[in-house]
C-alpha atoms as a PDB file:
ATOM      1  CA  UNK A   1       0.237   0.073   0.184  1.00  0.00           C
ATOM      2  CA  UNK A   2       1.059   3.657  -0.800  1.00  0.00           C
ATOM      3  CA  UNK A   3       2.147   5.570   2.208  1.00  0.00           C
ATOM      4  CA  UNK A   4       2.984   9.397   2.060  1.00  0.00           C
ATOM      5  CA  UNK A   5       7.424  10.175   3.061  1.00  0.00           C
ATOM      6  CA  UNK A   6       7.633  12.063   6.222  1.00  0.00           C
ATOM      7  CA  UNK A   7      10.864  12.721   7.606  1.00  0.00           C
ATOM      8  CA  UNK A   8      11.849   9.916   9.451  1.00  0.00           C
ATOM      9  CA  UNK A   9      11.351   7.590   6.786  1.00  0.00           C
ATOM     10  CA  UNK A  10      13.878   9.915   4.810  1.00  0.00           C
ATOM     11  CA  UNK A  11      17.027   7.148   4.585  1.00  0.00           C
ATOM     12  CA  UNK A  12      14.898   4.699   3.132  1.00  0.00           C
ATOM     13  CA  UNK A  13      13.415   6.589   1.231  1.00  0.00           C
ATOM     14  CA  UNK A  14      16.875   8.113  -0.082  1.00  0.00           C
ATOM     15  CA  UNK A  15      18.055   4.387  -0.584  1.00  0.00           C
ATOM     16  CA  UNK A  16      14.679   3.596  -2.641  1.00  0.00           C
ATOM     17  CA  UNK A  17      15.472   6.831  -5.280  1.00  0.00           C
ATOM     18  CA  UNK A  18      19.500   5.967  -5.589  1.00  0.00           C
ATOM     19  CA  UNK A  19      17.902   3.737  -7.984  1.00  0.00           C
ATOM     20  CA  UNK A  20      16.537   6.091 -10.649  1.00  0.00           C
ATOM     21  CA  UNK A  21      19.561   7.244 -12.848  1.00  0.00           C
ATOM     22  CA  UNK A  22      19.664  10.975 -12.530  1.00  0.00           C
ATOM     23  CA  UNK A  23      20.051  10.589  -8.520  1.00  0.00           C
ATOM     24  CA  UNK A  24      23.138   9.093  -8.341  1.00  0.00           C
ATOM     25  CA  UNK A  25      24.934  12.056  -6.950  1.00  0.00           C
ATOM     26  CA  UNK A  26      24.064  12.109  -2.741  1.00  0.00           C
ATOM     27  CA  UNK A  27      23.884  16.151  -3.513  1.00  0.00           C
ATOM     28  CA  UNK A  28      21.489  16.016  -5.786  1.00  0.00           C
ATOM     29  CA  UNK A  29      19.651  12.879  -4.587  1.00  0.00           C
ATOM     30  CA  UNK A  30      19.285  15.051  -1.705  1.00  0.00           C
ATOM     31  CA  UNK A  31      17.683  18.255  -3.081  1.00  0.00           C
ATOM     32  CA  UNK A  32      15.266  15.708  -4.315  1.00  0.00           C
ATOM     33  CA  UNK A  33      14.531  14.902  -1.125  1.00  0.00           C
ATOM     34  CA  UNK A  34      14.422  18.592   0.056  1.00  0.00           C
ATOM     35  CA  UNK A  35      12.144  19.599  -2.523  1.00  0.00           C
ATOM     36  CA  UNK A  36       9.350  16.187  -1.414  1.00  0.00           C
ATOM     37  CA  UNK A  37       9.162  17.696   1.889  1.00  0.00           C
ATOM     38  CA  UNK A  38       9.326  21.606   1.080  1.00  0.00           C
ATOM     39  CA  UNK A  39       7.884  21.703  -1.851  1.00  0.00           C
ATOM     40  CA  UNK A  40       3.295  21.712  -1.474  1.00  0.00           C
ATOM     41  CA  UNK A  41       3.028  20.382  -5.435  1.00  0.00           C
ATOM     42  CA  UNK A  42       5.627  17.226  -5.023  1.00  0.00           C
ATOM     43  CA  UNK A  43       4.408  13.908  -3.527  1.00  0.00           C
ATOM     44  CA  UNK A  44       6.514  11.337  -2.530  1.00  0.00           C
ATOM     45  CA  UNK A  45       4.911   7.889  -1.575  1.00  0.00           C
ATOM     46  CA  UNK A  46       6.693   5.113  -0.296  1.00  0.00           C
ATOM     47  CA  UNK A  47       5.537   1.243  -0.971  1.00  0.00           C
ATOM     48  CA  UNK A  48       4.674  -1.156   1.914  1.00  0.00           C
ATOM     49  CA  UNK A  49       3.786  -4.057   2.344  1.00  0.00           C
ATOM     50  CA  UNK A  50       5.272  -5.941   5.611  1.00  0.00           C
ATOM     51  CA  UNK A  51       8.695  -3.509   4.588  1.00  0.00           C
ATOM     52  CA  UNK A  52       8.887  -0.568   2.475  1.00  0.00           C
ATOM     53  CA  UNK A  53       9.899  -1.835  -1.381  1.00  0.00           C
ATOM     54  CA  UNK A  54       9.434   0.628  -3.417  1.00  0.00           C
ATOM     55  CA  UNK A  55       9.130   4.757  -4.235  1.00  0.00           C
ATOM     56  CA  UNK A  56       7.176   6.966  -6.229  1.00  0.00           C
ATOM     57  CA  UNK A  57       6.732  10.627  -6.444  1.00  0.00           C
ATOM     58  CA  UNK A  58       4.493  12.882  -7.943  1.00  0.00           C
ATOM     59  CA  UNK A  59       4.273  16.199  -9.217  1.00  0.00           C
ATOM     60  CA  UNK A  60       1.096  18.718  -9.298  1.00  0.00           C
ATOM     61  CA  UNK A  61       1.998  20.405 -12.055  1.00  0.00           C
ATOM     62  CA  UNK A  62      -1.427  22.282 -12.333  1.00  0.00           C
ATOM     63  CA  UNK A  63      -4.986  21.450 -11.315  1.00  0.00           C
ATOM     64  CA  UNK A  64      -5.054  19.306 -14.200  1.00  0.00           C
ATOM     65  CA  UNK A  65      -2.105  16.839 -14.498  1.00  0.00           C
ATOM     66  CA  UNK A  66      -0.323  15.089 -12.543  1.00  0.00           C
ATOM     67  CA  UNK A  67       3.304  13.572 -13.569  1.00  0.00           C
ATOM     68  CA  UNK A  68       4.655  11.164 -12.106  1.00  0.00           C
ATOM     69  CA  UNK A  69       8.463  11.815 -12.118  1.00  0.00           C
ATOM     70  CA  UNK A  70      10.107   9.031 -10.189  1.00  0.00           C
ATOM     71  CA  UNK A  71       9.640   5.351  -9.681  1.00  0.00           C
ATOM     72  CA  UNK A  72      12.218   2.649  -8.008  1.00  0.00           C
ATOM     73  CA  UNK A  73      12.184  -0.498  -6.286  1.00  0.00           C
ATOM     74  CA  UNK A  74      14.007  -2.804  -4.039  1.00  0.00           C
ATOM     75  CA  UNK A  75      16.437  -4.360  -6.937  1.00  0.00           C
ATOM     76  CA  UNK A  76      15.358  -8.030  -4.542  1.00  0.00           C
ATOM     77  CA  UNK A  77      11.797  -7.312  -5.391  1.00  0.00           C
ATOM     78  CA  UNK A  78      11.705  -6.077  -8.803  1.00  0.00           C
ATOM     79  CA  UNK A  79       9.369  -7.780 -11.487  1.00  0.00           C
ATOM     80  CA  UNK A  80       6.706  -8.814  -9.029  1.00  0.00           C
ATOM     81  CA  UNK A  81       4.591  -5.792 -10.143  1.00  0.00           C
ATOM     82  CA  UNK A  82       5.467  -3.536  -7.317  1.00  0.00           C
ATOM     83  CA  UNK A  83       5.933  -0.637 -10.073  1.00  0.00           C
ATOM     84  CA  UNK A  84       2.269  -1.356 -11.880  1.00  0.00           C
ATOM     85  CA  UNK A  85       0.650  -1.333  -7.927  1.00  0.00           C
ATOM     86  CA  UNK A  86       2.289   2.047  -7.094  1.00  0.00           C
ATOM     87  CA  UNK A  87       1.472   3.765 -10.618  1.00  0.00           C
ATOM     88  CA  UNK A  88      -2.439   2.158  -9.746  1.00  0.00           C
ATOM     89  CA  UNK A  89      -2.320   3.442  -6.399  1.00  0.00           C
ATOM     90  CA  UNK A  90      -1.322   6.936  -7.775  1.00  0.00           C
ATOM     91  CA  UNK A  91      -3.963   6.810 -10.020  1.00  0.00           C
ATOM     92  CA  UNK A  92      -6.576   5.743  -7.131  1.00  0.00           C
ATOM     93  CA  UNK A  93      -5.676   8.453  -5.174  1.00  0.00           C
ATOM     94  CA  UNK A  94      -5.508  11.196  -8.249  1.00  0.00           C
ATOM     95  CA  UNK A  95      -7.313   9.679 -10.975  1.00  0.00           C
ATOM     96  CA  UNK A  96     -10.594  11.324 -10.393  1.00  0.00           C
ATOM     97  CA  UNK A  97      -9.004  14.792 -10.291  1.00  0.00           C
ATOM     98  CA  UNK A  98      -6.332  14.555 -12.624  1.00  0.00           C
ATOM     99  CA  UNK A  99      -5.105  13.302 -15.231  1.00  0.00           C
ATOM    100  CA  UNK A 100      -1.717  11.009 -14.664  1.00  0.00           C
ATOM    101  CA  UNK A 101       1.005  10.892 -16.801  1.00  0.00           C
ATOM    102  CA  UNK A 102       4.889  10.032 -17.041  1.00  0.00           C
ATOM    103  CA  UNK A 103       7.687  12.474 -17.260  1.00  0.00           C
ATOM    104  CA  UNK A 104      10.754  11.626 -20.057  1.00  0.00           C
ATOM    105  CA  UNK A 105      12.247   9.590 -17.166  1.00  0.00           C
ATOM    106  CA  UNK A 106       9.179   7.343 -16.189  1.00  0.00           C
ATOM    107  CA  UNK A 107       7.617   7.262 -19.579  1.00  0.00           C
ATOM    108  CA  UNK A 108       9.145   4.110 -20.806  1.00  0.00           C
ATOM    109  CA  UNK A 109       8.073   2.187 -17.346  1.00  0.00           C
ATOM    110  CA  UNK A 110       4.747   3.589 -16.929  1.00  0.00           C
ATOM    111  CA  UNK A 111       3.938   2.232 -20.688  1.00  0.00           C
ATOM    112  CA  UNK A 112       4.829  -1.100 -20.007  1.00  0.00           C
ATOM    113  CA  UNK A 113       2.984  -1.124 -16.325  1.00  0.00           C
ATOM    114  CA  UNK A 114      -0.002   0.003 -18.893  1.00  0.00           C
ATOM    115  CA  UNK A 115      -0.044  -2.671 -21.379  1.00  0.00           C
END
């Protein structure tokens, strides 16, 4: 299930986001986490089953569009449909009010999950 990011989960969230190609640099990763903490238009969620296994970040672009900008799954839990579940969770959360779309970094993965 999706749980909203909170500061106490920072290290776990940073570890998961570090699997994104553009988030390898520690300073860049810290800036991204700070943006999720401070920007009211950025929402970070973690996927929790027994443990936290993935993360998905959404940027509210305007009153109509929610952009999936980060999706990451713990490597030892990949290919089990967790990414698809996280995308569906975002759609369930925002789909009635927003058009859910991907950015250039997440587009191919989101398309793969929708097919």
